[in-house]
Every structure is written in C-alpha cells, then in structure tokens.
Amino acid sequence: MLLLATARGGVAYIGVFTDAMADQFASADGERDIYAMFTGASSKCSQQNPKFENTAKKRLVLPPANCSAACI
C-alpha cells in the first residue's frame, strides 16, 4: 500500500495530507477501510492531488482508535 501527498509532478504542502491521514487514523472505528480513510483525508487536501496505490487482496480495516490491545 502506498499513500502519497500528491501525484508525481504535483505540489505537496508539508503536513497537510499527513495531518489529515492522522486524523483519519485517530477516528478509526473498526469498520471503515483504509481507502475510505484516504478518501476522507483527500477531501481536506483540495490544493494537492493525493494518490493511493494498493496491491492487497483483502480490505485493510484498522481497529477502533480507542481500543486497547485486549480488544484486537
């Protein structure tokens, strides 16, 4: 899986996409997959052109952000 702040040749502003993805990870609910999180972060980066590449065969769903190790 590859997440980029901008496609090749685009302009990336430091911290914009990274902060938006961090917000998405912090709000993980155990149901939304990583692509949905990427889409949510991308909508906050209107001046950038974020890119998502995935070769995985399965959906990647993060456990809830407020989940302790015991609930995984």
PDB file of N, CA and C in Angstrom:
ATOM      1  N   MET A   1       0.841  -1.156   0.000  1.00  0.00           N
ATOM      2  CA  MET A   1       0.000   0.000   0.000  1.00  0.00           C
ATOM      3  C   MET A   1       0.891   1.225   0.000  1.00  0.00           C
ATOM      4  N   LEU A   2       0.544   2.185  -0.814  1.00  0.00           N
ATOM      5  CA  LEU A   2       1.309   3.411  -0.928  1.00  0.00           C
ATOM      6  C   LEU A   2       0.365   4.593  -0.835  1.00  0.00           C
ATOM      7  N   LEU A   3       0.653   5.508   0.063  1.00  0.00           N
ATOM      8  CA  LEU A   3      -0.105   6.743   0.202  1.00  0.00           C
ATOM      9  C   LEU A   3       0.851   7.887  -0.072  1.00  0.00           C
ATOM     10  N   LEU A   4       0.514   8.730  -1.024  1.00  0.00           N
ATOM     11  CA  LEU A   4       1.343   9.880  -1.363  1.00  0.00           C
ATOM     12  C   LEU A   4       0.547  11.159  -1.211  1.00  0.00           C
ATOM     13  N   ALA A   5       1.211  12.218  -0.776  1.00  0.00           N
ATOM     14  CA  ALA A   5       0.545  13.501  -0.597  1.00  0.00           C
ATOM     15  C   ALA A   5       0.139  14.112  -1.925  1.00  0.00           C
ATOM     16  N   THR A   6       0.838  13.771  -2.982  1.00  0.00           N
ATOM     17  CA  THR A   6       0.493  14.290  -4.295  1.00  0.00           C
ATOM     18  C   THR A   6       1.016  13.353  -5.368  1.00  0.00           C
ATOM     19  N   ALA A   7       0.373  13.368  -6.500  1.00  0.00           N
ATOM     20  CA  ALA A   7       0.835  12.586  -7.632  1.00  0.00           C
ATOM     21  C   ALA A   7       2.120  13.205  -8.169  1.00  0.00           C
ATOM     22  N   ARG A   8       2.879  12.448  -8.902  1.00  0.00           N
ATOM     23  CA  ARG A   8       4.137  12.928  -9.469  1.00  0.00           C
ATOM     24  C   ARG A   8       3.922  14.225 -10.244  1.00  0.00           C
ATOM     25  N   GLY A   9       4.775  15.190  -9.960  1.00  0.00           N
ATOM     26  CA  GLY A   9       4.677  16.473 -10.638  1.00  0.00           C
ATOM     27  C   GLY A   9       3.776  17.469  -9.938  1.00  0.00           C
ATOM     28  N   GLY A  10       3.090  17.037  -8.891  1.00  0.00           N
ATOM     29  CA  GLY A  10       2.192  17.921  -8.160  1.00  0.00           C
ATOM     30  C   GLY A  10       2.913  18.638  -7.034  1.00  0.00           C
ATOM     31  N   VAL A  11       2.193  19.473  -6.358  1.00  0.00           N
ATOM     32  CA  VAL A  11       2.745  20.234  -5.230  1.00  0.00           C
ATOM     33  C   VAL A  11       2.182  19.662  -3.936  1.00  0.00           C
ATOM     34  N   ALA A  12       3.074  19.390  -2.979  1.00  0.00           N
ATOM     35  CA  ALA A  12       2.656  18.897  -1.669  1.00  0.00           C
ATOM     36  C   ALA A  12       3.027  19.924  -0.610  1.00  0.00           C
ATOM     37  N   TYR A  13       2.071  20.300   0.193  1.00  0.00           N
ATOM     38  CA  TYR A  13       2.323  21.228   1.289  1.00  0.00           C
ATOM     39  C   TYR A  13       2.623  20.415   2.539  1.00  0.00           C
ATOM     40  N   ILE A  14       3.711  20.745   3.200  1.00  0.00           N
ATOM     41  CA  ILE A  14       4.192  19.969   4.343  1.00  0.00           C
ATOM     42  C   ILE A  14       3.119  19.847   5.421  1.00  0.00           C
ATOM     43  N   GLY A  15       2.851  18.607   5.795  1.00  0.00           N
ATOM     44  CA  GLY A  15       1.954  18.326   6.906  1.00  0.00           C
ATOM     45  C   GLY A  15       0.475  18.284   6.601  1.00  0.00           C
ATOM     46  N   VAL A  16       0.045  18.769   5.437  1.00  0.00           N
ATOM     47  CA  VAL A  16      -1.396  18.829   5.157  1.00  0.00           C
ATOM     48  C   VAL A  16      -1.983  17.425   5.030  1.00  0.00           C
ATOM     49  N   PHE A  17      -1.467  16.630   4.121  1.00  0.00           N
ATOM     50  CA  PHE A  17      -2.003  15.285   3.916  1.00  0.00           C
ATOM     51  C   PHE A  17      -1.688  14.388   5.115  1.00  0.00           C
ATOM     52  N   THR A  18      -0.474  14.507   5.646  1.00  0.00           N
ATOM     53  CA  THR A  18      -0.081  13.694   6.794  1.00  0.00           C
ATOM     54  C   THR A  18      -0.998  13.951   7.983  1.00  0.00           C
ATOM     55  N   ASP A  19      -1.295  15.216   8.258  1.00  0.00           N
ATOM     56  CA  ASP A  19      -2.199  15.551   9.363  1.00  0.00           C
ATOM     57  C   ASP A  19      -3.610  15.038   9.098  1.00  0.00           C
ATOM     58  N   ALA A  20      -4.059  15.137   7.853  1.00  0.00           N
ATOM     59  CA  ALA A  20      -5.400  14.660   7.510  1.00  0.00           C
ATOM     60  C   ALA A  20      -5.490  13.145   7.682  1.00  0.00           C
ATOM     61  N   MET A  21      -4.435  12.400   7.298  1.00  0.00           N
ATOM     62  CA  MET A  21      -4.436  10.945   7.487  1.00  0.00           C
ATOM     63  C   MET A  21      -4.360  10.608   8.975  1.00  0.00           C
ATOM     64  N   ALA A  22      -3.583  11.373   9.737  1.00  0.00           N
ATOM     65  CA  ALA A  22      -3.500  11.137  11.182  1.00  0.00           C
ATOM     66  C   ALA A  22      -4.876  11.294  11.834  1.00  0.00           C
ATOM     67  N   ASP A  23      -5.629  12.287  11.387  1.00  0.00           N
ATOM     68  CA  ASP A  23      -6.995  12.474  11.901  1.00  0.00           C
ATOM     69  C   ASP A  23      -7.867  11.267  11.568  1.00  0.00           C
ATOM     70  N   GLN A  24      -7.696  10.728  10.355  1.00  0.00           N
ATOM     71  CA  GLN A  24      -8.476   9.556   9.950  1.00  0.00           C
ATOM     72  C   GLN A  24      -8.100   8.336  10.794  1.00  0.00           C
ATOM     73  N   PHE A  25      -6.801   8.129  11.022  1.00  0.00           N
ATOM     74  CA  PHE A  25      -6.368   7.002  11.849  1.00  0.00           C
ATOM     75  C   PHE A  25      -6.894   7.147  13.273  1.00  0.00           C
ATOM     76  N   ALA A  26      -6.879   8.354  13.784  1.00  0.00           N
ATOM     77  CA  ALA A  26      -7.356   8.605  15.153  1.00  0.00           C
ATOM     78  C   ALA A  26      -8.857   8.356  15.293  1.00  0.00           C
ATOM     79  N   SER A  27      -9.578   8.439  14.169  1.00  0.00           N
ATOM     80  CA  SER A  27     -11.025   8.212  14.216  1.00  0.00           C
ATOM     81  C   SER A  27     -11.413   6.827  13.696  1.00  0.00           C
ATOM     82  N   ALA A  28     -10.443   5.914  13.636  1.00  0.00           N
ATOM     83  CA  ALA A  28     -10.726   4.548  13.178  1.00  0.00           C
ATOM     84  C   ALA A  28     -11.838   3.948  14.031  1.00  0.00           C
ATOM     85  N   ASP A  29     -12.768   3.267  13.358  1.00  0.00           N
ATOM     86  CA  ASP A  29     -13.914   2.701  14.074  1.00  0.00           C
ATOM     87  C   ASP A  29     -14.027   1.182  13.942  1.00  0.00           C
ATOM     88  N   GLY A  30     -13.072   0.564  13.267  1.00  0.00           N
ATOM     89  CA  GLY A  30     -13.118  -0.876  13.088  1.00  0.00           C
ATOM     90  C   GLY A  30     -14.008  -1.315  11.945  1.00  0.00           C
ATOM     91  N   GLU A  31     -14.611  -0.371  11.220  1.00  0.00           N
ATOM     92  CA  GLU A  31     -15.491  -0.695  10.092  1.00  0.00           C
ATOM     93  C   GLU A  31     -15.024  -0.075   8.774  1.00  0.00           C
ATOM     94  N   ARG A  32     -14.579   1.191   8.828  1.00  0.00           N
ATOM     95  CA  ARG A  32     -14.112   1.857   7.605  1.00  0.00           C
ATOM     96  C   ARG A  32     -12.754   1.301   7.207  1.00  0.00           C
ATOM     97  N   ASP A  33     -12.557   1.075   5.912  1.00  0.00           N
ATOM     98  CA  ASP A  33     -11.274   0.571   5.459  1.00  0.00           C
ATOM     99  C   ASP A  33     -10.318   1.722   5.134  1.00  0.00           C
ATOM    100  N   ILE A  34      -9.081   1.377   4.835  1.00  0.00           N
ATOM    101  CA  ILE A  34      -8.048   2.379   4.624  1.00  0.00           C
ATOM    102  C   ILE A  34      -8.362   3.265   3.410  1.00  0.00           C
ATOM    103  N   TYR A  35      -9.037   2.727   2.405  1.00  0.00           N
ATOM    104  CA  TYR A  35      -9.379   3.551   1.245  1.00  0.00           C
ATOM    105  C   TYR A  35     -10.403   4.624   1.625  1.00  0.00           C
ATOM    106  N   ALA A  36     -11.366   4.274   2.459  1.00  0.00           N
ATOM    107  CA  ALA A  36     -12.343   5.266   2.925  1.00  0.00           C
ATOM    108  C   ALA A  36     -11.642   6.355   3.731  1.00  0.00           C
ATOM    109  N   MET A  37     -10.653   5.967   4.524  1.00  0.00           N
ATOM    110  CA  MET A  37      -9.890   6.949   5.285  1.00  0.00           C
ATOM    111  C   MET A  37      -9.095   7.853   4.347  1.00  0.00           C
ATOM    112  N   PHE A  38      -8.488   7.260   3.318  1.00  0.00           N
ATOM    113  CA  PHE A  38      -7.750   8.041   2.330  1.00  0.00           C
ATOM    114  C   PHE A  38      -8.672   9.046   1.642  1.00  0.00           C
ATOM    115  N   THR A  39      -9.856   8.601   1.274  1.00  0.00           N
ATOM    116  CA  THR A  39     -10.820   9.482   0.616  1.00  0.00           C
ATOM    117  C   THR A  39     -11.201  10.649   1.525  1.00  0.00           C
ATOM    118  N   GLY A  40     -11.423  10.356   2.804  1.00  0.00           N
ATOM    119  CA  GLY A  40     -11.744  11.416   3.761  1.00  0.00           C
ATOM    120  C   GLY A  40     -10.612  12.411   3.910  1.00  0.00           C
ATOM    121  N   ALA A  41      -9.386  11.920   3.969  1.00  0.00           N
ATOM    122  CA  ALA A  41      -8.226  12.805   4.086  1.00  0.00           C
ATOM    123  C   ALA A  41      -8.031  13.614   2.809  1.00  0.00           C
ATOM    124  N   SER A  42      -8.239  12.987   1.666  1.00  0.00           N
ATOM    125  CA  SER A  42      -8.054  13.666   0.381  1.00  0.00           C
ATOM    126  C   SER A  42      -8.990  14.847   0.217  1.00  0.00           C
ATOM    127  N   SER A  43     -10.183  14.732   0.756  1.00  0.00           N
ATOM    128  CA  SER A  43     -11.152  15.820   0.619  1.00  0.00           C
ATOM    129  C   SER A  43     -10.705  17.072   1.375  1.00  0.00           C
ATOM    130  N   LYS A  44      -9.792  16.900   2.337  1.00  0.00           N
ATOM    131  CA  LYS A  44      -9.275  18.037   3.099  1.00  0.00           C
ATOM    132  C   LYS A  44      -8.016  18.633   2.468  1.00  0.00           C
ATOM    133  N   CYS A  45      -7.575  18.054   1.374  1.00  0.00           N
ATOM    134  CA  CYS A  45      -6.335  18.482   0.709  1.00  0.00           C
ATOM    135  C   CYS A  45      -6.659  18.974  -0.693  1.00  0.00           C
ATOM    136  N   SER A  46      -7.523  19.953  -0.791  1.00  0.00           N
ATOM    137  CA  SER A  46      -8.026  20.386  -2.101  1.00  0.00           C
ATOM    138  C   SER A  46      -6.957  20.964  -3.018  1.00  0.00           C
ATOM    139  N   GLN A  47      -5.857  21.478  -2.458  1.00  0.00           N
ATOM    140  CA  GLN A  47      -4.817  22.042  -3.304  1.00  0.00           C
ATOM    141  C   GLN A  47      -3.763  21.005  -3.686  1.00  0.00           C
ATOM    142  N   GLN A  48      -3.900  19.806  -3.195  1.00  0.00           N
ATOM    143  CA  GLN A  48      -2.977  18.721  -3.515  1.00  0.00           C
ATOM    144  C   GLN A  48      -3.728  17.663  -4.295  1.00  0.00           C
ATOM    145  N   ASN A  49      -2.987  16.717  -4.821  1.00  0.00           N
ATOM    146  CA  ASN A  49      -3.578  15.625  -5.579  1.00  0.00           C
ATOM    147  C   ASN A  49      -3.100  14.299  -4.974  1.00  0.00           C
ATOM    148  N   PRO A  50      -3.625  13.926  -3.786  1.00  0.00           N
ATOM    149  CA  PRO A  50      -3.161  12.706  -3.127  1.00  0.00           C
ATOM    150  C   PRO A  50      -3.360  11.477  -4.006  1.00  0.00           C
ATOM    151  N   LYS A  51      -2.496  10.500  -3.798  1.00  0.00           N
ATOM    152  CA  LYS A  51      -2.519   9.282  -4.607  1.00  0.00           C
ATOM    153  C   LYS A  51      -2.536   8.064  -3.693  1.00  0.00           C
ATOM    154  N   PHE A  52      -3.303   7.056  -4.089  1.00  0.00           N
ATOM    155  CA  PHE A  52      -3.452   5.816  -3.334  1.00  0.00           C
ATOM    156  C   PHE A  52      -3.171   4.657  -4.277  1.00  0.00           C
ATOM    157  N   GLU A  53      -2.257   3.783  -3.907  1.00  0.00           N
ATOM    158  CA  GLU A  53      -1.997   2.572  -4.690  1.00  0.00           C
ATOM    159  C   GLU A  53      -2.081   1.391  -3.751  1.00  0.00           C
ATOM    160  N   ASN A  54      -2.727   0.327  -4.203  1.00  0.00           N
ATOM    161  CA  ASN A  54      -2.936  -0.832  -3.355  1.00  0.00           C
ATOM    162  C   ASN A  54      -2.862  -2.103  -4.185  1.00  0.00           C
ATOM    163  N   THR A  55      -2.055  -3.043  -3.749  1.00  0.00           N
ATOM    164  CA  THR A  55      -1.987  -4.339  -4.414  1.00  0.00           C
ATOM    165  C   THR A  55      -2.492  -5.461  -3.498  1.00  0.00           C
ATOM    166  N   ALA A  56      -3.024  -5.083  -2.346  1.00  0.00           N
ATOM    167  CA  ALA A  56      -3.517  -6.072  -1.387  1.00  0.00           C
ATOM    168  C   ALA A  56      -4.753  -6.779  -1.941  1.00  0.00           C
ATOM    169  N   LYS A  57      -4.915  -7.998  -1.551  1.00  0.00           N
ATOM    170  CA  LYS A  57      -6.065  -8.800  -1.982  1.00  0.00           C
ATOM    171  C   LYS A  57      -7.254  -8.687  -1.027  1.00  0.00           C
ATOM    172  N   LYS A  58      -7.004  -8.126   0.148  1.00  0.00           N
ATOM    173  CA  LYS A  58      -8.065  -8.005   1.151  1.00  0.00           C
ATOM    174  C   LYS A  58      -8.195  -6.556   1.603  1.00  0.00           C
ATOM    175  N   ARG A  59      -9.359  -6.240   2.183  1.00  0.00           N
ATOM    176  CA  ARG A  59      -9.584  -4.908   2.757  1.00  0.00           C
ATOM    177  C   ARG A  59      -8.755  -4.750   4.018  1.00  0.00           C
ATOM    178  N   LEU A  60      -8.212  -3.565   4.196  1.00  0.00           N
ATOM    179  CA  LEU A  60      -7.488  -3.260   5.421  1.00  0.00           C
ATOM    180  C   LEU A  60      -8.377  -2.376   6.286  1.00  0.00           C
ATOM    181  N   VAL A  61      -8.819  -2.928   7.410  1.00  0.00           N
ATOM    182  CA  VAL A  61      -9.666  -2.202   8.355  1.00  0.00           C
ATOM    183  C   VAL A  61      -8.902  -2.106   9.664  1.00  0.00           C
ATOM    184  N   LEU A  62      -8.698  -0.876  10.131  1.00  0.00           N
ATOM    185  CA  LEU A  62      -7.987  -0.674  11.385  1.00  0.00           C
ATOM    186  C   LEU A  62      -8.944  -0.837  12.560  1.00  0.00           C
ATOM    187  N   PRO A  63      -8.457  -1.373  13.680  1.00  0.00           N
ATOM    188  CA  PRO A  63      -9.312  -1.497  14.859  1.00  0.00           C
ATOM    189  C   PRO A  63      -9.676  -0.109  15.379  1.00  0.00           C
ATOM    190  N   PRO A  64     -10.706  -0.021  16.180  1.00  0.00           N
ATOM    191  CA  PRO A  64     -11.085   1.280  16.739  1.00  0.00           C
ATOM    192  C   PRO A  64      -9.900   1.958  17.422  1.00  0.00           C
ATOM    193  N   ALA A  65      -9.788   3.258  17.237  1.00  0.00           N
ATOM    194  CA  ALA A  65      -8.655   4.019  17.768  1.00  0.00           C
ATOM    195  C   ALA A  65      -8.598   3.960  19.285  1.00  0.00           C
ATOM    196  N   ASN A  66      -9.738   3.858  19.937  1.00  0.00           N
ATOM    197  CA  ASN A  66      -9.769   3.841  21.395  1.00  0.00           C
ATOM    198  C   ASN A  66      -9.742   2.421  21.956  1.00  0.00           C
ATOM    199  N   CYS A  67      -9.358   1.472  21.143  1.00  0.00           N
ATOM    200  CA  CYS A  67      -9.335   0.063  21.520  1.00  0.00           C
ATOM    201  C   CYS A  67      -7.999  -0.293  22.159  1.00  0.00           C
ATOM    202  N   SER A  68      -8.012  -0.963  23.287  1.00  0.00           N
ATOM    203  CA  SER A  68      -6.769  -1.415  23.903  1.00  0.00           C
ATOM    204  C   SER A  68      -6.307  -2.690  23.197  1.00  0.00           C
ATOM    205  N   ALA A  69      -5.126  -3.158  23.503  1.00  0.00           N
ATOM    206  CA  ALA A  69      -4.597  -4.372  22.869  1.00  0.00           C
ATOM    207  C   ALA A  69      -5.485  -5.576  23.148  1.00  0.00           C
ATOM    208  N   ALA A  70      -6.225  -5.562  24.233  1.00  0.00           N
ATOM    209  CA  ALA A  70      -7.075  -6.682  24.605  1.00  0.00           C
ATOM    210  C   ALA A  70      -8.269  -6.877  23.661  1.00  0.00           C
ATOM    211  N   CYS A  71      -8.701  -5.822  22.995  1.00  0.00           N
ATOM    212  CA  CYS A  71      -9.889  -5.970  22.142  1.00  0.00           C
ATOM    213  C   CYS A  71      -9.550  -6.300  20.691  1.00  0.00           C
ATOM    214  N   ILE A  72      -8.278  -6.428  20.362  1.00  0.00           N
ATOM    215  CA  ILE A  72      -7.882  -6.721  18.975  1.00  0.00           C
ATOM    216  C   ILE A  72      -7.989  -8.192  18.695  1.00  0.00           C
TER     217      ILE A  72
END
